[in-house]
């Protein structure tokens, strides 16, 4: 069987064409974070791609769209849209979407203020190990917002967030210690040690 010889220039052209196609596919499939960054700066094409990803069910894109609408970054501020996108992301288990939806409920942005719902979504985020969710849930226990006031649980959640480098949680934990007995602090520390993330 006789094989036809391929001219080196033809091979180079095919290689270049393949490389160009790969670059085009990579640009078309930019990550939700890249699209968010571009869309936040007013890139309409990036926003359209991010929205398309969100509409296809990409939880990170949905979270980023919620963030854009909540902050008014790259789009006019619209808390109703923010809640809608955060909810889509949160319902898929995205910890940042859950934390953000909890914040919307805690502050009454785009939804009626509802501390019980805020606790529900922040707990989901906290249980996945999100330091923001842990710190916010600790604050809710410290204040008795949506849950019975419980300094031991407040300490546990703040301690977990502080262990991840959350400076606000660290300061809040130190403030909590001033209102707690040594036994309560020890119990909060024990609960922190025994805590395991849940999905």
N, C-alpha and C. Protein backbone atom coordinates (compact mmCIF):
# COMPACT_ATOMS: atom_id res chain seq x y z
N UNK A 1 0.85 -1.17 0.00
CA UNK A 1 0.00 0.00 0.00
C UNK A 1 0.89 1.23 0.00
N UNK A 2 0.57 2.17 -0.86
CA UNK A 2 1.39 3.36 -1.04
C UNK A 2 0.76 4.53 -0.30
N UNK A 3 1.52 5.18 0.56
CA UNK A 3 1.03 6.34 1.28
C UNK A 3 1.46 7.60 0.54
N UNK A 4 0.52 8.54 0.46
CA UNK A 4 0.84 9.81 -0.19
C UNK A 4 1.68 10.64 0.78
N UNK A 5 2.66 11.30 0.25
CA UNK A 5 3.50 12.16 1.08
C UNK A 5 2.77 13.47 1.34
N UNK A 6 2.84 13.92 2.57
CA UNK A 6 2.24 15.19 2.94
C UNK A 6 3.34 16.23 2.93
N UNK A 7 3.09 17.27 2.20
CA UNK A 7 4.06 18.36 2.12
C UNK A 7 4.14 19.05 3.48
N UNK A 8 5.34 19.39 3.95
CA UNK A 8 5.49 20.03 5.27
C UNK A 8 4.64 21.31 5.39
N UNK A 9 4.47 22.06 4.31
CA UNK A 9 3.69 23.29 4.38
C UNK A 9 2.21 22.98 4.61
N UNK A 10 1.71 21.89 4.01
CA UNK A 10 0.32 21.50 4.24
C UNK A 10 0.12 21.07 5.69
N UNK A 11 1.10 20.35 6.21
CA UNK A 11 1.04 19.91 7.59
C UNK A 11 1.04 21.11 8.54
N UNK A 12 1.86 22.11 8.26
CA UNK A 12 1.92 23.32 9.07
C UNK A 12 0.59 24.07 9.02
N UNK A 13 -0.02 24.16 7.82
CA UNK A 13 -1.31 24.84 7.68
C UNK A 13 -2.38 24.13 8.51
N UNK A 14 -2.40 22.79 8.44
CA UNK A 14 -3.38 22.03 9.22
C UNK A 14 -3.17 22.22 10.72
N UNK A 15 -1.90 22.24 11.12
CA UNK A 15 -1.59 22.45 12.54
C UNK A 15 -2.05 23.83 12.98
N UNK A 16 -1.77 24.85 12.17
CA UNK A 16 -2.18 26.22 12.51
C UNK A 16 -3.69 26.34 12.57
N UNK A 17 -4.38 25.71 11.64
CA UNK A 17 -5.85 25.75 11.63
C UNK A 17 -6.40 25.06 12.88
N UNK A 18 -5.85 23.94 13.26
CA UNK A 18 -6.28 23.24 14.46
C UNK A 18 -6.02 24.10 15.70
N UNK A 19 -4.87 24.71 15.77
CA UNK A 19 -4.53 25.57 16.89
C UNK A 19 -5.49 26.76 16.99
N UNK A 20 -5.80 27.37 15.85
CA UNK A 20 -6.74 28.49 15.81
C UNK A 20 -8.12 28.04 16.30
N UNK A 21 -8.56 26.86 15.88
CA UNK A 21 -9.85 26.35 16.32
C UNK A 21 -9.86 26.11 17.83
N UNK A 22 -8.78 25.57 18.37
CA UNK A 22 -8.70 25.34 19.81
C UNK A 22 -8.74 26.65 20.59
N UNK A 23 -8.07 27.67 20.10
CA UNK A 23 -8.09 28.98 20.75
C UNK A 23 -9.50 29.56 20.72
N UNK A 24 -10.18 29.43 19.60
CA UNK A 24 -11.54 29.95 19.48
C UNK A 24 -12.49 29.23 20.43
N UNK A 25 -12.34 27.92 20.54
CA UNK A 25 -13.19 27.16 21.47
C UNK A 25 -12.89 27.58 22.90
N UNK A 26 -11.63 27.73 23.23
CA UNK A 26 -11.26 28.14 24.59
C UNK A 26 -11.83 29.51 24.92
N UNK A 27 -11.79 30.45 23.98
CA UNK A 27 -12.35 31.77 24.22
C UNK A 27 -13.86 31.70 24.38
N UNK A 28 -14.50 30.84 23.62
CA UNK A 28 -15.96 30.70 23.70
C UNK A 28 -16.37 30.06 25.02
N UNK A 29 -15.48 29.30 25.63
CA UNK A 29 -15.80 28.62 26.87
C UNK A 29 -15.06 29.23 28.06
N UNK A 30 -15.00 30.54 28.09
CA UNK A 30 -14.35 31.21 29.21
C UNK A 30 -15.06 30.84 30.50
N UNK A 31 -14.32 30.83 31.56
CA UNK A 31 -14.91 30.45 32.85
C UNK A 31 -15.86 31.53 33.34
N UNK A 32 -16.74 31.14 34.25
CA UNK A 32 -17.70 32.07 34.83
C UNK A 32 -16.98 33.22 35.52
N UNK A 33 -15.83 32.93 36.14
CA UNK A 33 -15.07 33.98 36.83
C UNK A 33 -14.51 34.98 35.82
N UNK A 34 -13.92 34.48 34.74
CA UNK A 34 -13.39 35.38 33.70
C UNK A 34 -14.50 36.23 33.11
N UNK A 35 -15.63 35.60 32.84
CA UNK A 35 -16.76 36.33 32.27
C UNK A 35 -17.27 37.37 33.25
N UNK A 36 -17.33 37.01 34.53
CA UNK A 36 -17.78 37.95 35.56
C UNK A 36 -16.87 39.17 35.60
N UNK A 37 -15.56 38.93 35.57
CA UNK A 37 -14.62 40.04 35.63
C UNK A 37 -14.79 40.97 34.43
N UNK A 38 -14.94 40.40 33.26
CA UNK A 38 -15.11 41.22 32.05
C UNK A 38 -16.47 41.91 32.05
N UNK A 39 -17.52 41.18 32.42
CA UNK A 39 -18.87 41.75 32.43
C UNK A 39 -18.98 42.87 33.46
N UNK A 40 -18.27 42.73 34.58
CA UNK A 40 -18.30 43.76 35.62
C UNK A 40 -17.70 45.07 35.14
N UNK A 41 -16.86 44.98 34.12
CA UNK A 41 -16.24 46.18 33.54
C UNK A 41 -17.04 46.70 32.35
N UNK A 42 -18.23 46.15 32.15
CA UNK A 42 -19.10 46.64 31.09
C UNK A 42 -19.00 45.90 29.77
N UNK A 43 -18.33 44.77 29.73
CA UNK A 43 -18.21 43.99 28.49
C UNK A 43 -19.54 43.28 28.23
N UNK A 44 -20.31 43.81 27.29
CA UNK A 44 -21.65 43.28 26.99
C UNK A 44 -21.60 41.85 26.47
N UNK A 45 -20.59 41.53 25.66
CA UNK A 45 -20.47 40.16 25.13
C UNK A 45 -20.20 39.18 26.28
N UNK A 46 -19.34 39.56 27.21
CA UNK A 46 -19.05 38.69 28.36
C UNK A 46 -20.30 38.52 29.22
N UNK A 47 -21.06 39.61 29.40
CA UNK A 47 -22.30 39.51 30.19
C UNK A 47 -23.28 38.55 29.52
N UNK A 48 -23.40 38.65 28.20
CA UNK A 48 -24.30 37.76 27.46
C UNK A 48 -23.87 36.30 27.63
N UNK A 49 -22.57 36.05 27.57
CA UNK A 49 -22.07 34.68 27.75
C UNK A 49 -22.31 34.19 29.17
N UNK A 50 -22.09 35.08 30.15
CA UNK A 50 -22.30 34.73 31.55
C UNK A 50 -23.78 34.41 31.79
N UNK A 51 -24.65 35.23 31.24
CA UNK A 51 -26.09 35.01 31.38
C UNK A 51 -26.50 33.68 30.71
N UNK A 52 -25.91 33.40 29.55
CA UNK A 52 -26.21 32.14 28.86
C UNK A 52 -25.78 30.95 29.72
N UNK A 53 -24.61 31.05 30.34
CA UNK A 53 -24.15 29.98 31.23
C UNK A 53 -25.11 29.83 32.41
N UNK A 54 -25.51 30.96 32.98
CA UNK A 54 -26.46 30.92 34.10
C UNK A 54 -27.77 30.29 33.71
N UNK A 55 -28.26 30.63 32.52
CA UNK A 55 -29.52 30.05 32.04
C UNK A 55 -29.40 28.56 31.76
N UNK A 56 -28.18 28.09 31.50
CA UNK A 56 -27.95 26.66 31.27
C UNK A 56 -27.76 25.90 32.59
N UNK A 57 -27.75 26.63 33.71
CA UNK A 57 -27.66 25.98 35.01
C UNK A 57 -26.29 25.98 35.66
N UNK A 58 -25.35 26.78 35.16
CA UNK A 58 -24.02 26.86 35.77
C UNK A 58 -24.13 27.64 37.08
N UNK A 59 -23.93 26.95 38.21
CA UNK A 59 -24.13 27.55 39.53
C UNK A 59 -23.16 28.70 39.80
N UNK A 60 -21.92 28.60 39.30
CA UNK A 60 -20.96 29.69 39.51
C UNK A 60 -21.38 30.92 38.71
N UNK A 61 -21.84 30.71 37.50
CA UNK A 61 -22.32 31.84 36.68
C UNK A 61 -23.54 32.47 37.35
N UNK A 62 -24.43 31.65 37.87
CA UNK A 62 -25.62 32.17 38.55
C UNK A 62 -25.23 33.01 39.76
N UNK A 63 -24.27 32.51 40.54
CA UNK A 63 -23.79 33.28 41.69
C UNK A 63 -23.20 34.62 41.23
N UNK A 64 -22.36 34.57 40.20
CA UNK A 64 -21.72 35.80 39.72
C UNK A 64 -22.74 36.80 39.17
N UNK A 65 -23.77 36.32 38.50
CA UNK A 65 -24.83 37.21 38.03
C UNK A 65 -25.55 37.84 39.22
N UNK A 66 -25.83 37.04 40.25
CA UNK A 66 -26.45 37.59 41.45
C UNK A 66 -25.60 38.66 42.08
N UNK A 67 -24.30 38.41 42.13
CA UNK A 67 -23.37 39.39 42.71
C UNK A 67 -23.36 40.68 41.90
N UNK A 68 -23.36 40.56 40.59
CA UNK A 68 -23.37 41.75 39.74
C UNK A 68 -24.62 42.59 40.01
N UNK A 69 -25.78 41.94 40.07
CA UNK A 69 -27.03 42.67 40.31
C UNK A 69 -27.09 43.22 41.74
N UNK A 70 -26.58 42.48 42.71
CA UNK A 70 -26.61 42.95 44.10
C UNK A 70 -25.74 44.18 44.29
N UNK A 71 -24.59 44.19 43.63
CA UNK A 71 -23.65 45.30 43.79
C UNK A 71 -23.84 46.40 42.75
N UNK A 72 -24.60 46.11 41.70
CA UNK A 72 -24.73 47.08 40.62
C UNK A 72 -23.43 47.23 39.86
N UNK A 73 -22.72 46.13 39.69
CA UNK A 73 -21.43 46.13 39.00
C UNK A 73 -21.63 45.66 37.57
N UNK A 74 -21.48 46.55 36.61
CA UNK A 74 -21.63 46.19 35.20
C UNK A 74 -23.08 46.19 34.74
N UNK A 75 -24.00 46.24 35.69
CA UNK A 75 -25.44 46.29 35.42
C UNK A 75 -26.07 47.21 36.46
N UNK A 76 -27.27 47.73 36.18
CA UNK A 76 -27.94 48.51 37.23
C UNK A 76 -28.26 47.61 38.43
N UNK A 77 -28.14 48.15 39.63
CA UNK A 77 -28.46 47.37 40.83
C UNK A 77 -29.92 46.96 40.78
N UNK A 78 -30.16 45.68 41.03
CA UNK A 78 -31.52 45.14 40.99
C UNK A 78 -31.57 43.97 41.98
N UNK A 79 -32.06 44.23 43.19
CA UNK A 79 -32.08 43.21 44.22
C UNK A 79 -32.98 42.03 43.86
N UNK A 80 -34.07 42.28 43.13
CA UNK A 80 -34.94 41.17 42.72
C UNK A 80 -34.18 40.20 41.82
N UNK A 81 -33.44 40.74 40.85
CA UNK A 81 -32.63 39.89 39.98
C UNK A 81 -31.53 39.18 40.78
N UNK A 82 -30.92 39.91 41.72
CA UNK A 82 -29.87 39.30 42.54
C UNK A 82 -30.41 38.10 43.30
N UNK A 83 -31.57 38.27 43.93
CA UNK A 83 -32.17 37.17 44.69
C UNK A 83 -32.47 35.99 43.77
N UNK A 84 -33.01 36.28 42.59
CA UNK A 84 -33.35 35.22 41.65
C UNK A 84 -32.12 34.40 41.27
N UNK A 85 -31.01 35.08 40.94
CA UNK A 85 -29.80 34.36 40.54
C UNK A 85 -29.15 33.66 41.72
N UNK A 86 -29.11 34.33 42.89
CA UNK A 86 -28.54 33.68 44.08
C UNK A 86 -29.32 32.42 44.42
N UNK A 87 -30.66 32.49 44.32
CA UNK A 87 -31.49 31.34 44.65
C UNK A 87 -31.18 30.16 43.71
N UNK A 88 -31.05 30.45 42.43
CA UNK A 88 -30.74 29.38 41.47
C UNK A 88 -29.41 28.71 41.84
N UNK A 89 -28.43 29.51 42.17
CA UNK A 89 -27.12 28.99 42.55
C UNK A 89 -27.20 28.23 43.87
N UNK A 90 -27.88 28.82 44.85
CA UNK A 90 -28.00 28.22 46.18
C UNK A 90 -28.69 26.87 46.12
N UNK A 91 -29.75 26.78 45.32
CA UNK A 91 -30.50 25.53 45.24
C UNK A 91 -29.70 24.40 44.60
N UNK A 92 -28.63 24.76 43.91
CA UNK A 92 -27.74 23.74 43.34
C UNK A 92 -26.61 23.38 44.29
N UNK A 93 -26.60 24.00 45.47
CA UNK A 93 -25.59 23.67 46.47
C UNK A 93 -24.36 24.55 46.45
N UNK A 94 -24.38 25.65 45.71
CA UNK A 94 -23.23 26.55 45.68
C UNK A 94 -23.17 27.31 47.01
N UNK A 95 -22.08 27.13 47.77
CA UNK A 95 -21.95 27.72 49.10
C UNK A 95 -22.01 29.25 49.06
N UNK A 96 -21.38 29.86 48.07
CA UNK A 96 -21.42 31.33 47.99
C UNK A 96 -22.81 31.82 47.63
N UNK A 97 -23.52 31.08 46.79
CA UNK A 97 -24.89 31.43 46.47
C UNK A 97 -25.78 31.32 47.71
N UNK A 98 -25.55 30.28 48.51
CA UNK A 98 -26.31 30.09 49.74
C UNK A 98 -26.02 31.21 50.73
N UNK A 99 -24.75 31.53 50.91
CA UNK A 99 -24.38 32.62 51.82
C UNK A 99 -25.02 33.92 51.37
N UNK A 100 -24.96 34.21 50.08
CA UNK A 100 -25.47 35.48 49.56
C UNK A 100 -26.99 35.55 49.66
N UNK A 101 -27.66 34.45 49.39
CA UNK A 101 -29.12 34.44 49.53
C UNK A 101 -29.48 34.66 51.00
N UNK A 102 -28.73 34.06 51.90
CA UNK A 102 -28.94 34.30 53.33
C UNK A 102 -28.76 35.76 53.69
N UNK A 103 -27.77 36.41 53.09
CA UNK A 103 -27.53 37.83 53.35
C UNK A 103 -28.69 38.68 52.84
N UNK A 104 -29.25 38.31 51.70
CA UNK A 104 -30.39 39.06 51.16
C UNK A 104 -31.58 38.97 52.12
N UNK A 105 -31.82 37.77 52.67
CA UNK A 105 -32.90 37.61 53.65
C UNK A 105 -32.59 38.35 54.95
N UNK A 106 -31.36 38.29 55.40
CA UNK A 106 -30.99 38.95 56.66
C UNK A 106 -31.18 40.46 56.58
N UNK A 107 -30.97 41.02 55.39
CA UNK A 107 -31.04 42.47 55.22
C UNK A 107 -32.33 42.96 54.56
N UNK A 108 -33.14 42.03 54.09
CA UNK A 108 -34.39 42.43 53.43
C UNK A 108 -34.16 43.07 52.07
N UNK A 109 -33.15 42.61 51.35
CA UNK A 109 -32.86 43.12 50.00
C UNK A 109 -33.48 42.20 48.97
N UNK A 110 -34.51 42.67 48.29
CA UNK A 110 -35.15 41.88 47.24
C UNK A 110 -36.15 40.87 47.76
N UNK A 111 -36.19 40.68 49.06
CA UNK A 111 -37.13 39.78 49.74
C UNK A 111 -37.48 40.43 51.07
N UNK A 112 -38.62 40.06 51.66
CA UNK A 112 -38.89 40.56 53.01
C UNK A 112 -37.82 40.07 53.98
N UNK A 113 -37.44 40.91 54.93
CA UNK A 113 -36.45 40.49 55.93
C UNK A 113 -36.99 39.27 56.66
N UNK A 114 -36.18 38.22 56.73
CA UNK A 114 -36.63 36.96 57.32
C UNK A 114 -35.40 36.25 57.89
N UNK A 115 -35.21 36.38 59.19
CA UNK A 115 -34.03 35.80 59.83
C UNK A 115 -34.05 34.27 59.79
N UNK A 116 -35.24 33.67 59.81
CA UNK A 116 -35.31 32.20 59.76
C UNK A 116 -34.77 31.71 58.42
N UNK A 117 -35.16 32.37 57.32
CA UNK A 117 -34.63 32.00 56.00
C UNK A 117 -33.14 32.31 55.92
N UNK A 118 -32.72 33.42 56.53
CA UNK A 118 -31.29 33.77 56.53
C UNK A 118 -30.49 32.67 57.21
N UNK A 119 -30.98 32.20 58.36
CA UNK A 119 -30.30 31.11 59.07
C UNK A 119 -30.28 29.86 58.21
N UNK A 120 -31.40 29.53 57.58
CA UNK A 120 -31.49 28.33 56.74
C UNK A 120 -30.39 28.32 55.68
N UNK A 121 -30.26 29.43 54.93
CA UNK A 121 -29.29 29.47 53.83
C UNK A 121 -27.87 29.63 54.34
N UNK A 122 -27.67 30.39 55.40
CA UNK A 122 -26.32 30.54 55.94
C UNK A 122 -25.82 29.23 56.54
N UNK A 123 -26.72 28.46 57.14
CA UNK A 123 -26.32 27.17 57.70
C UNK A 123 -25.87 26.23 56.57
N UNK A 124 -26.57 26.24 55.45
CA UNK A 124 -26.17 25.41 54.31
C UNK A 124 -24.76 25.79 53.85
N UNK A 125 -24.49 27.08 53.77
CA UNK A 125 -23.18 27.56 53.37
C UNK A 125 -22.12 27.19 54.42
N UNK A 126 -22.44 27.45 55.68
CA UNK A 126 -21.52 27.16 56.79
C UNK A 126 -21.19 25.67 56.85
N UNK A 127 -22.20 24.83 56.64
CA UNK A 127 -21.99 23.38 56.71
C UNK A 127 -21.06 22.87 55.62
N UNK A 128 -20.89 23.65 54.55
CA UNK A 128 -19.95 23.27 53.50
C UNK A 128 -18.54 23.78 53.78
N UNK A 129 -18.40 24.54 54.88
CA UNK A 129 -17.08 25.04 55.24
C UNK A 129 -16.80 26.45 54.78
N UNK A 130 -17.82 27.16 54.28
CA UNK A 130 -17.63 28.54 53.83
C UNK A 130 -17.46 29.44 55.06
N UNK A 131 -16.32 30.12 55.16
CA UNK A 131 -16.03 30.93 56.35
C UNK A 131 -17.01 32.10 56.48
N UNK A 132 -17.46 32.66 55.36
CA UNK A 132 -18.44 33.75 55.44
C UNK A 132 -19.75 33.27 56.04
N UNK A 133 -20.20 32.10 55.60
CA UNK A 133 -21.42 31.51 56.15
C UNK A 133 -21.25 31.17 57.62
N UNK A 134 -20.09 30.65 57.99
CA UNK A 134 -19.84 30.30 59.38
C UNK A 134 -19.85 31.53 60.27
N UNK A 135 -19.16 32.57 59.84
CA UNK A 135 -19.11 33.78 60.64
C UNK A 135 -20.48 34.43 60.77
N UNK A 136 -21.23 34.48 59.66
CA UNK A 136 -22.56 35.09 59.68
C UNK A 136 -23.52 34.28 60.56
N UNK A 137 -23.42 32.96 60.50
CA UNK A 137 -24.27 32.12 61.33
C UNK A 137 -23.90 32.32 62.80
N UNK A 138 -22.62 32.45 63.08
CA UNK A 138 -22.19 32.74 64.45
C UNK A 138 -22.78 34.04 64.97
N UNK A 139 -22.82 35.06 64.11
CA UNK A 139 -23.42 36.34 64.50
C UNK A 139 -24.91 36.17 64.81
N UNK A 140 -25.58 35.34 64.01
CA UNK A 140 -27.01 35.14 64.23
C UNK A 140 -27.27 34.43 65.55
N UNK A 141 -26.42 33.46 65.90
CA UNK A 141 -26.55 32.82 67.21
C UNK A 141 -26.22 33.79 68.33
N UNK A 142 -25.23 34.63 68.14
CA UNK A 142 -24.85 35.60 69.18
C UNK A 142 -25.97 36.59 69.45
N UNK A 143 -26.70 36.98 68.40
CA UNK A 143 -27.76 37.98 68.53
C UNK A 143 -29.14 37.36 68.75
N UNK A 144 -29.27 36.07 68.52
CA UNK A 144 -30.58 35.43 68.61
C UNK A 144 -31.47 35.81 67.44
N UNK A 145 -30.88 36.01 66.28
CA UNK A 145 -31.63 36.36 65.06
C UNK A 145 -32.00 35.09 64.30
N UNK A 146 -33.27 34.71 64.34
CA UNK A 146 -33.73 33.53 63.60
C UNK A 146 -33.47 32.22 64.31
N UNK A 147 -32.74 32.26 65.40
CA UNK A 147 -32.45 31.10 66.25
C UNK A 147 -32.43 31.58 67.70
N UNK A 148 -32.62 30.67 68.64
CA UNK A 148 -32.46 31.09 70.05
C UNK A 148 -31.02 31.55 70.28
N UNK A 149 -30.86 32.58 71.06
CA UNK A 149 -29.51 33.07 71.37
C UNK A 149 -28.72 31.96 72.05
N UNK A 150 -27.51 31.69 71.55
CA UNK A 150 -26.70 30.59 72.05
C UNK A 150 -25.23 30.96 71.85
N UNK A 151 -24.59 31.40 72.93
CA UNK A 151 -23.20 31.86 72.82
C UNK A 151 -22.24 30.72 72.51
N UNK A 152 -22.56 29.52 72.93
CA UNK A 152 -21.68 28.37 72.63
C UNK A 152 -21.69 28.10 71.12
N UNK A 153 -22.89 28.08 70.52
CA UNK A 153 -22.96 27.86 69.07
C UNK A 153 -22.36 29.05 68.31
N UNK A 154 -22.58 30.25 68.82
CA UNK A 154 -21.97 31.44 68.20
C UNK A 154 -20.46 31.30 68.21
N UNK A 155 -19.92 30.87 69.34
CA UNK A 155 -18.48 30.69 69.46
C UNK A 155 -17.97 29.63 68.49
N UNK A 156 -18.68 28.50 68.43
CA UNK A 156 -18.25 27.41 67.54
C UNK A 156 -18.14 27.91 66.10
N UNK A 157 -19.20 28.58 65.59
CA UNK A 157 -19.18 29.02 64.20
C UNK A 157 -18.14 30.10 63.98
N UNK A 158 -18.01 31.04 64.91
CA UNK A 158 -16.99 32.09 64.75
C UNK A 158 -15.60 31.48 64.82
N UNK A 159 -15.41 30.49 65.67
CA UNK A 159 -14.11 29.83 65.81
C UNK A 159 -13.73 29.11 64.52
N UNK A 160 -14.70 28.43 63.90
CA UNK A 160 -14.43 27.75 62.64
C UNK A 160 -14.03 28.74 61.55
N UNK A 161 -14.73 29.86 61.48
CA UNK A 161 -14.40 30.89 60.48
C UNK A 161 -13.03 31.50 60.77
N UNK A 162 -12.75 31.76 62.05
CA UNK A 162 -11.46 32.34 62.43
C UNK A 162 -10.31 31.40 62.07
N UNK A 163 -10.54 30.11 62.20
CA UNK A 163 -9.50 29.12 61.86
C UNK A 163 -9.15 29.16 60.38
N UNK A 164 -10.04 29.73 59.56
CA UNK A 164 -9.77 29.86 58.12
C UNK A 164 -9.18 31.24 57.79
N UNK A 165 -8.88 32.01 58.81
CA UNK A 165 -8.25 33.31 58.58
C UNK A 165 -9.21 34.49 58.54
N UNK A 166 -10.46 34.27 58.89
CA UNK A 166 -11.44 35.36 58.89
C UNK A 166 -11.18 36.26 60.10
N UNK A 167 -10.64 37.44 59.85
CA UNK A 167 -10.25 38.35 60.93
C UNK A 167 -11.46 38.91 61.68
N UNK A 168 -12.55 39.14 60.98
CA UNK A 168 -13.76 39.64 61.64
C UNK A 168 -14.27 38.58 62.61
N UNK A 169 -14.27 37.33 62.18
CA UNK A 169 -14.71 36.24 63.06
C UNK A 169 -13.78 36.11 64.26
N UNK A 170 -12.50 36.30 64.04
CA UNK A 170 -11.53 36.20 65.14
C UNK A 170 -11.82 37.26 66.20
N UNK A 171 -12.04 38.48 65.77
CA UNK A 171 -12.35 39.57 66.70
C UNK A 171 -13.68 39.30 67.41
N UNK A 172 -14.68 38.85 66.67
CA UNK A 172 -15.98 38.56 67.26
C UNK A 172 -15.88 37.42 68.27
N UNK A 173 -15.05 36.43 67.97
CA UNK A 173 -14.85 35.32 68.91
C UNK A 173 -14.23 35.83 70.21
N UNK A 174 -13.25 36.73 70.08
CA UNK A 174 -12.62 37.31 71.27
C UNK A 174 -13.64 38.11 72.08
N UNK A 175 -14.52 38.83 71.40
CA UNK A 175 -15.57 39.58 72.10
C UNK A 175 -16.55 38.64 72.79
N UNK A 176 -16.88 37.53 72.14
CA UNK A 176 -17.78 36.54 72.74
C UNK A 176 -17.19 35.98 74.03
N UNK A 177 -15.88 35.72 74.02
CA UNK A 177 -15.23 35.13 75.18
C UNK A 177 -15.43 35.97 76.44
N UNK A 178 -15.56 37.29 76.28
CA UNK A 178 -15.75 38.18 77.43
C UNK A 178 -17.10 37.97 78.09
N UNK A 179 -18.07 37.43 77.34
CA UNK A 179 -19.42 37.21 77.87
C UNK A 179 -19.68 35.75 78.22
N UNK A 180 -18.64 34.90 78.08
CA UNK A 180 -18.83 33.46 78.28
C UNK A 180 -18.07 32.97 79.50
N UNK A 181 -18.56 31.88 80.06
CA UNK A 181 -17.84 31.22 81.15
C UNK A 181 -16.74 30.34 80.54
N UNK A 182 -15.74 29.97 81.34
CA UNK A 182 -14.72 29.04 80.82
C UNK A 182 -15.33 27.73 80.32
N UNK A 183 -16.37 27.25 80.98
CA UNK A 183 -17.01 26.00 80.55
C UNK A 183 -17.68 26.18 79.19
N UNK A 184 -18.31 27.32 78.96
CA UNK A 184 -18.94 27.59 77.66
C UNK A 184 -17.89 27.67 76.55
N UNK A 185 -16.78 28.32 76.84
CA UNK A 185 -15.70 28.42 75.85
C UNK A 185 -15.16 27.03 75.52
N UNK A 186 -14.94 26.23 76.55
CA UNK A 186 -14.44 24.86 76.34
C UNK A 186 -15.42 24.06 75.49
N UNK A 187 -16.72 24.23 75.74
CA UNK A 187 -17.73 23.50 74.95
C UNK A 187 -17.71 23.98 73.50
N UNK A 188 -17.60 25.28 73.29
CA UNK A 188 -17.51 25.82 71.93
C UNK A 188 -16.29 25.30 71.19
N UNK A 189 -15.17 25.20 71.90
CA UNK A 189 -13.94 24.67 71.30
C UNK A 189 -14.10 23.19 70.96
N UNK A 190 -14.75 22.44 71.86
CA UNK A 190 -14.97 21.02 71.60
C UNK A 190 -15.84 20.83 70.37
N UNK A 191 -16.92 21.60 70.28
CA UNK A 191 -17.80 21.51 69.12
C UNK A 191 -17.06 21.86 67.83
N UNK A 192 -16.17 22.83 67.91
CA UNK A 192 -15.37 23.22 66.74
C UNK A 192 -14.47 22.08 66.29
N UNK A 193 -13.83 21.44 67.25
CA UNK A 193 -12.93 20.32 66.92
C UNK A 193 -13.68 19.16 66.29
N UNK A 194 -14.90 18.92 66.75
CA UNK A 194 -15.68 17.77 66.28
C UNK A 194 -16.46 18.05 65.00
N UNK A 195 -16.54 19.30 64.62
CA UNK A 195 -17.33 19.68 63.43
C UNK A 195 -16.73 19.10 62.16
N UNK A 196 -17.59 18.60 61.29
CA UNK A 196 -17.17 18.08 59.97
C UNK A 196 -18.05 18.73 58.91
N UNK A 197 -17.47 19.12 57.77
CA UNK A 197 -18.28 19.71 56.68
C UNK A 197 -19.31 18.72 56.16
N UNK A 198 -20.42 19.27 55.72
CA UNK A 198 -21.48 18.48 55.10
C UNK A 198 -21.78 19.08 53.75
N UNK A 199 -22.17 18.26 52.80
CA UNK A 199 -22.49 18.82 51.49
C UNK A 199 -23.99 18.94 51.32
